[in-house]
Amino acid sequence: MSGSAHQGGGDLVIPADTPVHRMAPAPKIVATVLFIVAVAFTPSRIFWPFLWYAFVLAVAVALARLPILTLVRRLVVEVPFLLFTVLLPFTGGGPEIRVLGLPLSLNGLQAAAMIILKATFGLLATGVLAATTSLPEIITGFEQLRMPRVLTVIASFMVRYLELLVAELNRLRTARACRGGNPRWLWHVKDVAGCLGAMFLRTLERGERVHVAMLSRGFDGRLPPASTGTLPAVRVWLAAAILPALAGAGSITAAVMT
């Protein structure tokens, strides 16, 4: 179950033979989470720790031999989630400064900058993890960390069938284009709705077929035991803990100095 379900998934891995790529997934997951926690707990209006976080991430990127431009391009996914920060300089209240003739709240500017920095560094950390660890390995790492089995199985199926759903959507788009459909304007919303409806029905039918196939192979509603193997050696955990420990030291120092 674990092996077959973990195949596929459209990984973001950047292939390389480095110590970071070869490291077991569980320590990398824990290190990433601890780094993000250290960044999240950085005191407000204290910006110098982010230079330290940048250095820590730069060390990880250098060890993994990852292309900087690729990681930066992947930050585009956070843009829609940060659009609301544009309003903070206008609604933050408190002292104001003028930029190009516009009165902007100093508190709002600081809050917006802090949100953007924390989100960006958190996304960069997860980007390093995704670039050095495949999705099946990440799921295996969560299994080793004793995450509830039902969650890892759901994630495994999601990873396995995501590519199938994307391929199905591409086939629907091709079929629509062959029939003259080219939904670019608002009045073409009917075509888009029809495509989404067909996608939903085909996904539901595929899920039913998979469920029937599982039942025919003896699935009785109980999940099989996870074959997670053994956790990595202590030295691997210590190696993985170095970078989040450095980030935590910067966060604690900033908290003490405030």
Protein backbone atom coordinates (compact mmCIF):
# COMPACT_ATOMS: atom_id res chain seq x y z
CA MET A 1 0.00 0.00 0.00
CA SER A 2 2.65 2.45 1.02
CA GLY A 3 4.89 1.73 -1.90
CA SER A 4 2.27 1.85 -4.60
CA ALA A 5 0.45 4.80 -3.21
CA HIS A 6 3.54 6.86 -2.98
CA GLN A 7 4.34 6.84 -6.66
CA GLY A 8 3.85 9.84 -8.86
CA GLY A 9 2.88 13.29 -7.76
CA GLY A 10 4.57 16.03 -9.80
CA ASP A 11 7.54 16.65 -7.53
CA LEU A 12 9.40 19.96 -7.33
CA VAL A 13 12.71 18.20 -6.70
CA ILE A 14 15.81 19.68 -8.30
CA PRO A 15 18.02 16.62 -8.89
CA ALA A 16 21.49 16.69 -7.37
CA ASP A 17 23.79 14.45 -5.37
CA THR A 18 24.31 16.42 -2.18
CA PRO A 19 24.23 15.69 1.56
CA VAL A 20 20.92 17.55 1.81
CA HIS A 21 19.34 15.43 -0.93
CA ARG A 22 20.63 12.22 0.64
CA MET A 23 19.47 13.09 4.16
CA ALA A 24 16.49 11.13 5.48
CA PRO A 25 13.17 12.97 5.07
CA ALA A 26 12.04 12.96 8.72
CA PRO A 27 14.93 15.13 10.03
CA LYS A 28 14.51 17.53 7.11
CA ILE A 29 10.81 17.92 7.85
CA VAL A 30 11.45 18.62 11.53
CA ALA A 31 14.27 21.04 10.70
CA THR A 32 12.02 22.93 8.27
CA VAL A 33 9.19 23.19 10.81
CA LEU A 34 11.56 24.41 13.54
CA PHE A 35 13.06 27.02 11.20
CA ILE A 36 9.59 28.31 10.32
CA VAL A 37 8.65 28.45 14.00
CA ALA A 38 11.81 30.44 14.79
CA VAL A 39 10.98 32.91 12.02
CA ALA A 40 7.34 33.18 13.10
CA PHE A 41 8.32 34.02 16.69
CA THR A 42 10.62 36.86 15.65
CA PRO A 43 9.51 39.93 17.66
CA SER A 44 7.58 42.60 15.79
CA ARG A 45 9.49 45.58 14.42
CA ILE A 46 12.83 43.79 14.83
CA PHE A 47 14.22 43.30 11.34
CA TRP A 48 17.89 42.45 11.77
CA PRO A 49 17.23 38.72 12.51
CA PHE A 50 16.04 38.30 8.93
CA LEU A 51 19.58 38.98 7.73
CA TRP A 52 20.65 36.09 9.96
CA TYR A 53 17.84 33.88 8.61
CA ALA A 54 18.95 34.75 5.08
CA PHE A 55 22.48 33.60 5.93
CA VAL A 56 21.17 30.34 7.42
CA LEU A 57 19.05 29.64 4.34
CA ALA A 58 21.94 30.56 2.07
CA VAL A 59 24.05 27.89 3.78
CA ALA A 60 21.30 25.28 3.20
CA VAL A 61 20.92 26.36 -0.45
CA ALA A 62 24.67 26.19 -0.98
CA LEU A 63 24.91 22.73 0.59
CA ALA A 64 22.05 21.52 -1.64
CA ARG A 65 23.46 23.29 -4.72
CA LEU A 66 20.07 24.75 -5.58
CA PRO A 67 19.66 27.49 -8.21
CA ILE A 68 18.65 30.71 -6.48
CA LEU A 69 16.56 31.95 -9.40
CA THR A 70 14.43 28.81 -9.36
CA LEU A 71 13.65 29.23 -5.66
CA VAL A 72 12.84 32.90 -6.18
CA ARG A 73 10.53 32.14 -9.09
CA ARG A 74 8.62 29.69 -6.91
CA LEU A 75 7.84 32.54 -4.51
CA VAL A 76 5.23 33.76 -7.00
CA VAL A 77 2.68 31.47 -5.33
CA GLU A 78 2.62 33.72 -2.25
CA VAL A 79 1.69 36.89 -4.15
CA PRO A 80 -2.13 36.40 -3.95
CA PHE A 81 -1.90 35.77 -0.20
CA LEU A 82 0.07 38.96 0.42
CA LEU A 83 -2.05 41.37 -1.57
CA PHE A 84 -3.98 42.39 1.54
CA THR A 85 -0.76 43.79 3.04
CA VAL A 86 -1.01 46.63 0.51
CA LEU A 87 -3.87 48.04 2.60
CA LEU A 88 -1.98 48.04 5.91
CA PRO A 89 0.03 51.24 5.25
CA PHE A 90 -3.28 53.05 4.70
CA THR A 91 -5.17 51.58 7.66
CA GLY A 92 -2.48 50.99 10.29
CA GLY A 93 -2.99 54.22 12.22
CA GLY A 94 -0.34 55.87 14.39
CA PRO A 95 2.48 58.10 13.10
CA GLU A 96 2.50 58.82 9.38
CA ILE A 97 5.15 59.42 6.78
CA ARG A 98 4.70 60.70 3.24
CA VAL A 99 5.85 58.65 0.27
CA LEU A 100 5.32 60.24 -3.16
CA GLY A 101 2.84 62.56 -1.53
CA LEU A 102 0.77 59.76 0.02
CA PRO A 103 0.31 59.65 3.81
CA LEU A 104 1.28 56.17 4.98
CA SER A 105 1.04 54.70 8.44
CA LEU A 106 4.44 53.84 9.88
CA ASN A 107 2.89 51.07 11.97
CA GLY A 108 1.15 49.71 8.88
CA LEU A 109 4.37 49.73 6.87
CA GLN A 110 6.20 47.87 9.62
CA ALA A 111 3.40 45.31 9.98
CA ALA A 112 3.26 44.75 6.20
CA ALA A 113 7.03 44.34 6.00
CA MET A 114 7.01 41.84 8.89
CA ILE A 115 4.22 39.77 7.32
CA ILE A 116 5.95 39.70 3.94
CA LEU A 117 9.33 38.76 5.43
CA LYS A 118 7.96 35.96 7.62
CA ALA A 119 5.86 34.53 4.80
CA THR A 120 8.75 34.72 2.33
CA PHE A 121 11.27 33.04 4.61
CA GLY A 122 8.78 30.34 5.55
CA LEU A 123 8.08 29.67 1.88
CA LEU A 124 11.79 29.63 1.07
CA ALA A 125 12.38 27.04 3.79
CA THR A 126 9.62 24.81 2.45
CA GLY A 127 11.00 25.43 -1.03
CA VAL A 128 14.36 24.02 0.00
CA LEU A 129 12.60 20.98 1.46
CA ALA A 130 10.53 20.47 -1.70
CA ALA A 131 13.58 20.92 -3.93
CA THR A 132 15.58 18.26 -2.10
CA THR A 133 12.87 15.76 -1.08
CA SER A 134 10.31 14.08 -3.30
CA LEU A 135 6.65 13.96 -2.30
CA PRO A 136 6.74 10.19 -1.62
CA GLU A 137 9.76 10.72 0.63
CA ILE A 138 7.99 13.54 2.48
CA ILE A 139 5.00 11.29 3.11
CA THR A 140 7.35 8.54 4.31
CA GLY A 141 8.96 11.07 6.65
CA PHE A 142 5.58 11.94 8.14
CA GLU A 143 4.91 8.25 8.63
CA GLN A 144 8.22 7.91 10.48
CA LEU A 145 7.18 10.84 12.65
CA ARG A 146 4.04 8.88 13.62
CA MET A 147 1.54 11.09 11.88
CA PRO A 148 -1.92 9.43 11.92
CA ARG A 149 -1.97 6.76 9.25
CA VAL A 150 -5.26 7.92 7.76
CA LEU A 151 -3.74 11.33 6.94
CA THR A 152 -0.68 9.88 5.22
CA VAL A 153 -2.85 7.47 3.21
CA ILE A 154 -5.08 10.34 2.05
CA ALA A 155 -1.97 12.33 1.10
CA SER A 156 -0.58 9.31 -0.74
CA PHE A 157 -3.72 8.93 -2.82
CA MET A 158 -3.79 12.67 -3.48
CA VAL A 159 -0.20 12.60 -4.73
CA ARG A 160 -0.84 9.51 -6.82
CA TYR A 161 -3.98 10.80 -8.55
CA LEU A 162 -3.14 14.48 -8.89
CA GLU A 163 -1.30 13.86 -12.15
CA LEU A 164 -4.21 11.77 -13.42
CA LEU A 165 -6.66 14.56 -12.68
CA VAL A 166 -4.45 17.12 -14.41
CA ALA A 167 -4.20 14.85 -17.45
CA GLU A 168 -7.99 14.43 -17.43
CA LEU A 169 -8.43 18.20 -17.33
CA ASN A 170 -6.04 18.62 -20.26
CA ARG A 171 -8.05 16.08 -22.27
CA LEU A 172 -11.25 18.00 -21.53
CA ARG A 173 -9.60 21.23 -22.67
CA THR A 174 -8.44 19.58 -25.88
CA ALA A 175 -11.92 18.20 -26.54
CA ARG A 176 -13.43 21.62 -25.92
CA ALA A 177 -10.95 23.28 -28.27
CA CYS A 178 -11.72 20.70 -31.00
CA ARG A 179 -15.38 21.72 -30.73
CA GLY A 180 -14.56 25.39 -31.13
CA GLY A 181 -14.64 26.27 -27.45
CA ASN A 182 -12.18 29.00 -26.41
CA PRO A 183 -13.36 30.51 -23.10
CA ARG A 184 -11.56 33.82 -22.79
CA TRP A 185 -14.41 36.17 -21.99
CA LEU A 186 -17.11 36.43 -19.37
CA TRP A 187 -19.85 35.19 -21.71
CA HIS A 188 -17.94 31.91 -22.12
CA VAL A 189 -18.55 31.03 -18.48
CA LYS A 190 -21.04 28.36 -19.57
CA ASP A 191 -18.24 26.46 -21.33
CA VAL A 192 -16.03 26.67 -18.26
CA ALA A 193 -18.87 25.49 -15.99
CA GLY A 194 -19.55 22.56 -18.30
CA CYS A 195 -15.89 21.57 -18.28
CA LEU A 196 -15.74 21.74 -14.48
CA GLY A 197 -18.94 19.71 -14.18
CA ALA A 198 -17.59 17.00 -16.47
CA MET A 199 -14.35 17.03 -14.50
CA PHE A 200 -16.25 16.53 -11.25
CA LEU A 201 -18.28 13.64 -12.64
CA ARG A 202 -15.24 11.88 -14.10
CA THR A 203 -13.35 12.33 -10.84
CA LEU A 204 -16.28 10.85 -8.89
CA GLU A 205 -16.51 7.90 -11.29
CA ARG A 206 -12.78 7.28 -11.07
CA GLY A 207 -12.95 7.33 -7.28
CA GLU A 208 -15.76 4.79 -7.31
CA ARG A 209 -13.78 2.51 -9.64
CA VAL A 210 -10.74 2.74 -7.38
CA HIS A 211 -12.87 1.93 -4.34
CA VAL A 212 -14.39 -1.11 -6.06
CA ALA A 213 -10.91 -2.27 -7.08
CA MET A 214 -9.71 -1.94 -3.48
CA LEU A 215 -12.70 -3.93 -2.21
CA SER A 216 -12.04 -6.66 -4.78
CA ARG A 217 -8.52 -6.96 -3.37
CA GLY A 218 -9.74 -7.52 0.17
CA PHE A 219 -9.92 -3.98 1.56
CA ASP A 220 -12.28 -4.10 4.55
CA GLY A 221 -12.11 -0.49 5.67
CA ARG A 222 -9.10 -0.99 7.91
CA LEU A 223 -5.83 0.53 6.83
CA PRO A 224 -2.81 -1.76 6.63
CA PRO A 225 0.05 -1.15 9.07
CA ALA A 226 2.65 1.32 7.90
CA SER A 227 6.02 -0.05 6.91
CA THR A 228 7.91 3.04 8.00
CA GLY A 229 11.27 1.45 8.72
CA THR A 230 13.53 2.85 11.39
CA LEU A 231 14.21 6.44 12.20
CA PRO A 232 17.56 7.89 11.10
CA ALA A 233 20.58 7.75 13.37
CA VAL A 234 21.16 10.38 16.03
CA ARG A 235 24.00 11.96 14.06
CA VAL A 236 21.60 12.62 11.18
CA TRP A 237 19.21 14.39 13.52
CA LEU A 238 22.06 16.44 14.97
CA ALA A 239 23.20 17.46 11.50
CA ALA A 240 19.68 18.48 10.54
CA ALA A 241 19.25 20.44 13.77
CA ILE A 242 22.18 22.78 13.14
CA LEU A 243 20.44 25.25 10.83
CA PRO A 244 17.16 25.56 12.78
CA ALA A 245 19.21 25.90 15.97
CA LEU A 246 21.06 28.84 14.42
CA ALA A 247 17.76 30.39 13.35
CA GLY A 248 16.33 29.84 16.83
CA ALA A 249 19.35 31.51 18.36
CA GLY A 250 18.71 34.59 16.26
CA SER A 251 15.03 34.68 17.22
CA ILE A 252 15.78 34.25 20.93
CA THR A 253 18.48 36.93 20.83
CA ALA A 254 16.05 39.36 19.22
CA ALA A 255 13.42 38.58 21.87
CA VAL A 256 15.93 39.12 24.69
CA MET A 257 17.10 42.44 23.26
CA THR A 258 13.60 43.89 22.97
